[in-house]
Structures are given as C-alpha cells and as structure tokens.
Amino acid sequence: MLAFTLRRAIQAIGVMIAVGIISFSMFRFAGDPVNQMVGMDTSGAERAAIRKSLGLDDPVIVQFGRYIGNAAQFKFGVSYQFRLPVLKRCERNRCSLSHCAGPSRPSAS
C-alpha cells in the first residue's frame, strides 16, 4: 500500500510539472502582455519599464521558476485584463466554479 501511494504521489508531481510547463508556455508565448495593458501611443521606454516591472525581461528559466514558485504558494498575481488580483476574480466567480464542480452533496432523489 505504501509503494502504491508513493508511486501515485510521484505521478501526481510529474503531472503538475507537465501542466505547469504547458500553462507557462501558453501564457509566455501567446503574445506580449504589455501590448494588452497599454495603448498604442505608449512609448518604447514606457513599455520597457512595464516589461521590467513585470519581470518579463528576465531569462525564460528564471520566469518559469518564479511562475512555479508563486503557483505553489497560491500567489497568482494581478490579471492583465481586469487589473484585479486573480484570487479576487476567482472569488467573484465562486458560484460558477461550484456549478462546474457539480453538487456538493448527494441529491435527495
């Protein structure tokens, strides 16, 4: 039983690493978030300052390490689109999330 549990735990860690790599790649290489945050009339210097403040000028491996470390601590940052903390945004959609998960208790029927 211990061997089974240990094997499953190792598999779960592997899955979490794979999901982390896939999600990081999707967010990192899908487009420049700075373009989504600023207008067309923003200067290159301002764009560079925003990129630096977000850590987007760091090497990809450093960004990935920060991404995994923050995700492990449930620090999801601020939404580029809504400019709200991501966890606040999830709280706002709690009803939708609970509907997706299904009923929390068996039905009486």
N, C-alpha and C. Protein backbone atom coordinates (compact mmCIF):
# COMPACT_ATOMS: atom_id res chain seq x y z
N MET A 1 0.83 -1.20 0.00
CA MET A 1 0.00 0.00 0.00
C MET A 1 0.87 1.26 0.00
N LEU A 2 1.95 1.24 0.76
CA LEU A 2 2.86 2.39 0.81
C LEU A 2 3.51 2.60 -0.56
N ALA A 3 3.90 1.51 -1.21
CA ALA A 3 4.52 1.63 -2.54
C ALA A 3 3.54 2.22 -3.54
N PHE A 4 2.29 1.81 -3.48
CA PHE A 4 1.25 2.34 -4.37
C PHE A 4 1.06 3.83 -4.15
N THR A 5 0.96 4.24 -2.87
CA THR A 5 0.76 5.65 -2.54
C THR A 5 1.96 6.48 -2.99
N LEU A 6 3.16 5.98 -2.78
CA LEU A 6 4.36 6.69 -3.19
C LEU A 6 4.42 6.82 -4.71
N ARG A 7 4.08 5.74 -5.42
CA ARG A 7 4.08 5.78 -6.87
C ARG A 7 3.06 6.80 -7.39
N ARG A 8 1.90 6.84 -6.80
CA ARG A 8 0.87 7.81 -7.20
C ARG A 8 1.31 9.24 -6.90
N ALA A 9 1.97 9.45 -5.78
CA ALA A 9 2.45 10.79 -5.43
C ALA A 9 3.49 11.26 -6.44
N ILE A 10 4.38 10.37 -6.84
CA ILE A 10 5.40 10.73 -7.84
C ILE A 10 4.73 11.03 -9.18
N GLN A 11 3.73 10.24 -9.55
CA GLN A 11 3.00 10.51 -10.79
C GLN A 11 2.29 11.87 -10.73
N ALA A 12 1.70 12.18 -9.59
CA ALA A 12 1.00 13.46 -9.43
C ALA A 12 1.97 14.63 -9.57
N ILE A 13 3.15 14.50 -9.01
CA ILE A 13 4.16 15.56 -9.13
C ILE A 13 4.55 15.73 -10.60
N GLY A 14 4.71 14.62 -11.31
CA GLY A 14 5.03 14.69 -12.73
C GLY A 14 3.95 15.38 -13.54
N VAL A 15 2.70 15.07 -13.23
CA VAL A 15 1.58 15.72 -13.92
C VAL A 15 1.56 17.21 -13.62
N MET A 16 1.78 17.59 -12.36
CA MET A 16 1.79 19.02 -12.01
C MET A 16 2.91 19.76 -12.73
N ILE A 17 4.07 19.14 -12.85
CA ILE A 17 5.17 19.78 -13.58
C ILE A 17 4.82 19.93 -15.05
N ALA A 18 4.23 18.89 -15.66
CA ALA A 18 3.84 18.96 -17.06
C ALA A 18 2.79 20.05 -17.29
N VAL A 19 1.79 20.12 -16.42
CA VAL A 19 0.76 21.15 -16.54
C VAL A 19 1.37 22.54 -16.36
N GLY A 20 2.32 22.66 -15.44
CA GLY A 20 3.00 23.94 -15.23
C GLY A 20 3.76 24.38 -16.47
N ILE A 21 4.47 23.45 -17.10
CA ILE A 21 5.22 23.78 -18.31
C ILE A 21 4.28 24.19 -19.44
N ILE A 22 3.20 23.43 -19.61
CA ILE A 22 2.25 23.75 -20.68
C ILE A 22 1.58 25.10 -20.45
N SER A 23 1.11 25.34 -19.22
CA SER A 23 0.43 26.62 -18.96
C SER A 23 1.40 27.79 -19.05
N PHE A 24 2.62 27.63 -18.56
CA PHE A 24 3.60 28.70 -18.67
C PHE A 24 3.88 29.01 -20.14
N SER A 25 4.03 27.96 -20.94
CA SER A 25 4.31 28.17 -22.36
C SER A 25 3.16 28.89 -23.05
N MET A 26 1.94 28.52 -22.70
CA MET A 26 0.78 29.18 -23.32
C MET A 26 0.75 30.66 -22.97
N PHE A 27 0.99 31.00 -21.71
CA PHE A 27 0.95 32.40 -21.30
C PHE A 27 2.16 33.17 -21.81
N ARG A 28 3.31 32.53 -21.83
CA ARG A 28 4.55 33.22 -22.19
C ARG A 28 4.65 33.49 -23.68
N PHE A 29 4.25 32.52 -24.48
CA PHE A 29 4.48 32.64 -25.91
C PHE A 29 3.23 32.97 -26.71
N ALA A 30 2.12 33.22 -26.05
CA ALA A 30 0.88 33.56 -26.75
C ALA A 30 0.87 35.00 -27.23
N GLY A 31 1.66 35.84 -26.64
CA GLY A 31 1.70 37.24 -27.04
C GLY A 31 2.30 38.07 -25.92
N ASP A 32 2.55 39.32 -26.22
CA ASP A 32 3.16 40.22 -25.25
C ASP A 32 2.07 40.83 -24.37
N PRO A 33 2.08 40.53 -23.06
CA PRO A 33 1.05 41.10 -22.19
C PRO A 33 1.12 42.62 -22.07
N VAL A 34 2.28 43.19 -22.34
CA VAL A 34 2.41 44.65 -22.27
C VAL A 34 1.52 45.31 -23.32
N ASN A 35 1.41 44.70 -24.49
CA ASN A 35 0.55 45.25 -25.53
C ASN A 35 -0.91 45.26 -25.10
N GLN A 36 -1.29 44.29 -24.27
CA GLN A 36 -2.66 44.22 -23.78
C GLN A 36 -2.92 45.27 -22.69
N MET A 37 -1.87 45.67 -22.00
CA MET A 37 -2.01 46.57 -20.86
C MET A 37 -1.97 48.04 -21.23
N VAL A 38 -1.29 48.38 -22.32
CA VAL A 38 -1.09 49.79 -22.66
C VAL A 38 -1.72 50.11 -24.01
N GLY A 39 -1.83 51.39 -24.28
CA GLY A 39 -2.39 51.85 -25.55
C GLY A 39 -1.35 51.89 -26.64
N MET A 40 -1.81 52.20 -27.83
CA MET A 40 -0.92 52.27 -28.99
C MET A 40 0.06 53.43 -28.91
N ASP A 41 -0.30 54.49 -28.18
CA ASP A 41 0.54 55.68 -28.12
C ASP A 41 1.61 55.62 -27.02
N THR A 42 1.76 54.48 -26.36
CA THR A 42 2.76 54.32 -25.30
C THR A 42 4.14 54.22 -25.92
N SER A 43 5.08 54.96 -25.35
CA SER A 43 6.44 54.97 -25.89
C SER A 43 7.17 53.67 -25.59
N GLY A 44 8.24 53.44 -26.32
CA GLY A 44 9.06 52.24 -26.12
C GLY A 44 9.70 52.21 -24.75
N ALA A 45 10.07 53.38 -24.22
CA ALA A 45 10.67 53.44 -22.89
C ALA A 45 9.66 53.03 -21.82
N GLU A 46 8.43 53.48 -21.97
CA GLU A 46 7.39 53.10 -21.01
C GLU A 46 7.10 51.60 -21.09
N ARG A 47 7.07 51.08 -22.31
CA ARG A 47 6.86 49.64 -22.48
C ARG A 47 7.99 48.84 -21.82
N ALA A 48 9.20 49.30 -22.00
CA ALA A 48 10.36 48.62 -21.41
C ALA A 48 10.29 48.67 -19.88
N ALA A 49 9.85 49.80 -19.34
CA ALA A 49 9.73 49.92 -17.88
C ALA A 49 8.67 48.96 -17.34
N ILE A 50 7.55 48.84 -18.05
CA ILE A 50 6.50 47.91 -17.62
C ILE A 50 7.00 46.48 -17.72
N ARG A 51 7.69 46.17 -18.82
CA ARG A 51 8.24 44.83 -19.00
C ARG A 51 9.21 44.48 -17.87
N LYS A 52 10.03 45.45 -17.48
CA LYS A 52 10.98 45.23 -16.38
C LYS A 52 10.26 45.05 -15.05
N SER A 53 9.22 45.87 -14.80
CA SER A 53 8.49 45.77 -13.52
C SER A 53 7.75 44.43 -13.40
N LEU A 54 7.36 43.85 -14.53
CA LEU A 54 6.68 42.55 -14.52
C LEU A 54 7.66 41.37 -14.54
N GLY A 55 8.94 41.68 -14.74
CA GLY A 55 9.94 40.62 -14.80
C GLY A 55 10.00 39.92 -16.14
N LEU A 56 9.42 40.53 -17.17
CA LEU A 56 9.40 39.90 -18.48
C LEU A 56 10.72 40.02 -19.23
N ASP A 57 11.65 40.80 -18.69
CA ASP A 57 12.95 40.90 -19.33
C ASP A 57 13.95 39.90 -18.74
N ASP A 58 13.53 39.11 -17.76
CA ASP A 58 14.38 38.07 -17.18
C ASP A 58 14.45 36.89 -18.14
N PRO A 59 15.50 36.04 -18.00
CA PRO A 59 15.56 34.83 -18.83
C PRO A 59 14.33 33.94 -18.59
N VAL A 60 13.97 33.17 -19.59
CA VAL A 60 12.76 32.34 -19.53
C VAL A 60 12.83 31.37 -18.36
N ILE A 61 13.97 30.79 -18.08
CA ILE A 61 14.09 29.82 -16.99
C ILE A 61 13.84 30.49 -15.63
N VAL A 62 14.26 31.74 -15.48
CA VAL A 62 14.01 32.48 -14.24
C VAL A 62 12.51 32.78 -14.12
N GLN A 63 11.89 33.17 -15.22
CA GLN A 63 10.45 33.44 -15.22
C GLN A 63 9.67 32.17 -14.87
N PHE A 64 10.10 31.02 -15.41
CA PHE A 64 9.41 29.77 -15.13
C PHE A 64 9.56 29.40 -13.65
N GLY A 65 10.74 29.56 -13.11
CA GLY A 65 10.95 29.28 -11.68
C GLY A 65 10.07 30.15 -10.80
N ARG A 66 9.98 31.42 -11.14
CA ARG A 66 9.12 32.34 -10.39
C ARG A 66 7.65 31.93 -10.53
N TYR A 67 7.26 31.54 -11.73
CA TYR A 67 5.88 31.11 -12.01
C TYR A 67 5.51 29.89 -11.16
N ILE A 68 6.36 28.88 -11.15
CA ILE A 68 6.09 27.66 -10.38
C ILE A 68 6.10 27.96 -8.89
N GLY A 69 7.08 28.75 -8.43
CA GLY A 69 7.16 29.10 -7.01
C GLY A 69 5.93 29.86 -6.54
N ASN A 70 5.49 30.81 -7.32
CA ASN A 70 4.29 31.58 -6.95
C ASN A 70 3.04 30.72 -7.00
N ALA A 71 2.93 29.85 -8.00
CA ALA A 71 1.75 28.98 -8.11
C ALA A 71 1.69 28.02 -6.92
N ALA A 72 2.84 27.53 -6.48
CA ALA A 72 2.87 26.62 -5.33
C ALA A 72 2.41 27.31 -4.05
N GLN A 73 2.57 28.63 -3.99
CA GLN A 73 2.16 29.41 -2.81
C GLN A 73 0.80 30.07 -3.03
N PHE A 74 0.11 29.73 -4.11
CA PHE A 74 -1.19 30.32 -4.46
C PHE A 74 -1.10 31.83 -4.65
N LYS A 75 0.03 32.31 -5.13
CA LYS A 75 0.19 33.72 -5.47
C LYS A 75 0.06 33.83 -6.99
N PHE A 76 -1.13 34.17 -7.45
CA PHE A 76 -1.38 34.19 -8.88
C PHE A 76 -1.26 35.58 -9.50
N GLY A 77 -0.93 36.58 -8.71
CA GLY A 77 -0.68 37.91 -9.24
C GLY A 77 -1.94 38.67 -9.60
N VAL A 78 -1.76 39.61 -10.53
CA VAL A 78 -2.83 40.51 -10.95
C VAL A 78 -3.18 40.20 -12.40
N SER A 79 -4.46 40.15 -12.69
CA SER A 79 -4.93 39.92 -14.06
C SER A 79 -4.54 41.09 -14.94
N TYR A 80 -3.93 40.80 -16.08
CA TYR A 80 -3.58 41.86 -17.02
C TYR A 80 -4.83 42.52 -17.58
N GLN A 81 -5.86 41.73 -17.80
CA GLN A 81 -7.07 42.24 -18.44
C GLN A 81 -7.95 43.04 -17.49
N PHE A 82 -8.19 42.50 -16.28
CA PHE A 82 -9.12 43.13 -15.35
C PHE A 82 -8.43 44.00 -14.31
N ARG A 83 -7.11 43.90 -14.21
CA ARG A 83 -6.31 44.66 -13.25
C ARG A 83 -6.79 44.44 -11.81
N LEU A 84 -7.18 43.21 -11.52
CA LEU A 84 -7.60 42.78 -10.19
C LEU A 84 -6.76 41.57 -9.79
N PRO A 85 -6.56 41.35 -8.50
CA PRO A 85 -5.88 40.12 -8.10
C PRO A 85 -6.66 38.89 -8.62
N VAL A 86 -5.94 37.91 -9.11
CA VAL A 86 -6.59 36.75 -9.73
C VAL A 86 -7.46 36.01 -8.71
N LEU A 87 -7.00 35.90 -7.47
CA LEU A 87 -7.80 35.20 -6.46
C LEU A 87 -9.11 35.93 -6.19
N LYS A 88 -9.10 37.27 -6.20
CA LYS A 88 -10.35 38.03 -6.05
C LYS A 88 -11.29 37.73 -7.20
N ARG A 89 -10.73 37.62 -8.39
CA ARG A 89 -11.53 37.31 -9.58
C ARG A 89 -12.15 35.92 -9.45
N CYS A 90 -11.41 34.97 -8.89
CA CYS A 90 -11.95 33.62 -8.69
C CYS A 90 -13.05 33.63 -7.63
N GLU A 91 -12.88 34.44 -6.58
CA GLU A 91 -13.92 34.54 -5.56
C GLU A 91 -15.22 35.07 -6.16
N ARG A 92 -15.08 35.99 -7.07
CA ARG A 92 -16.25 36.58 -7.72
C ARG A 92 -17.00 35.53 -8.54
N ASN A 93 -16.28 34.56 -9.06
CA ASN A 93 -16.87 33.52 -9.90
C ASN A 93 -17.10 32.23 -9.12
N ARG A 94 -17.14 32.31 -7.80
CA ARG A 94 -17.28 31.12 -6.97
C ARG A 94 -18.54 30.34 -7.34
N CYS A 95 -19.64 31.02 -7.59
CA CYS A 95 -20.88 30.35 -7.95
C CYS A 95 -20.69 29.55 -9.24
N SER A 96 -20.04 30.14 -10.22
CA SER A 96 -19.80 29.45 -11.48
C SER A 96 -18.91 28.24 -11.27
N LEU A 97 -17.88 28.40 -10.43
CA LEU A 97 -16.97 27.29 -10.16
C LEU A 97 -17.70 26.15 -9.47
N SER A 98 -18.60 26.47 -8.54
CA SER A 98 -19.31 25.41 -7.84
C SER A 98 -20.27 24.69 -8.78
N HIS A 99 -20.83 25.40 -9.75
CA HIS A 99 -21.70 24.74 -10.72
C HIS A 99 -20.90 23.80 -11.61
N CYS A 100 -19.69 24.19 -11.93
CA CYS A 100 -18.85 23.32 -12.76
C CYS A 100 -18.46 22.06 -12.01
N ALA A 101 -18.23 22.19 -10.71
CA ALA A 101 -17.80 21.04 -9.90
C ALA A 101 -18.94 20.08 -9.63
N GLY A 102 -20.16 20.53 -9.76
CA GLY A 102 -21.31 19.67 -9.51
C GLY A 102 -21.81 19.86 -8.08
N PRO A 103 -22.83 19.11 -7.70
CA PRO A 103 -23.41 19.27 -6.37
C PRO A 103 -22.41 18.85 -5.29
N SER A 104 -22.44 19.57 -4.16
CA SER A 104 -21.52 19.25 -3.08
C SER A 104 -22.04 18.14 -2.20
N ARG A 105 -23.31 17.82 -2.30
CA ARG A 105 -23.89 16.73 -1.50
C ARG A 105 -24.83 15.93 -2.39
N PRO A 106 -25.04 14.69 -2.08
CA PRO A 106 -25.93 13.88 -2.92
C PRO A 106 -27.35 14.44 -2.88
N SER A 107 -28.03 14.31 -3.99
CA SER A 107 -29.42 14.79 -4.03
C SER A 107 -30.33 13.85 -3.28
N ALA A 108 -31.48 14.35 -2.88
CA ALA A 108 -32.41 13.58 -2.05
C ALA A 108 -33.20 12.58 -2.88
N SER A 109 -33.13 12.65 -4.17
CA SER A 109 -33.95 11.75 -5.00
C SER A 109 -33.40 10.40 -5.14
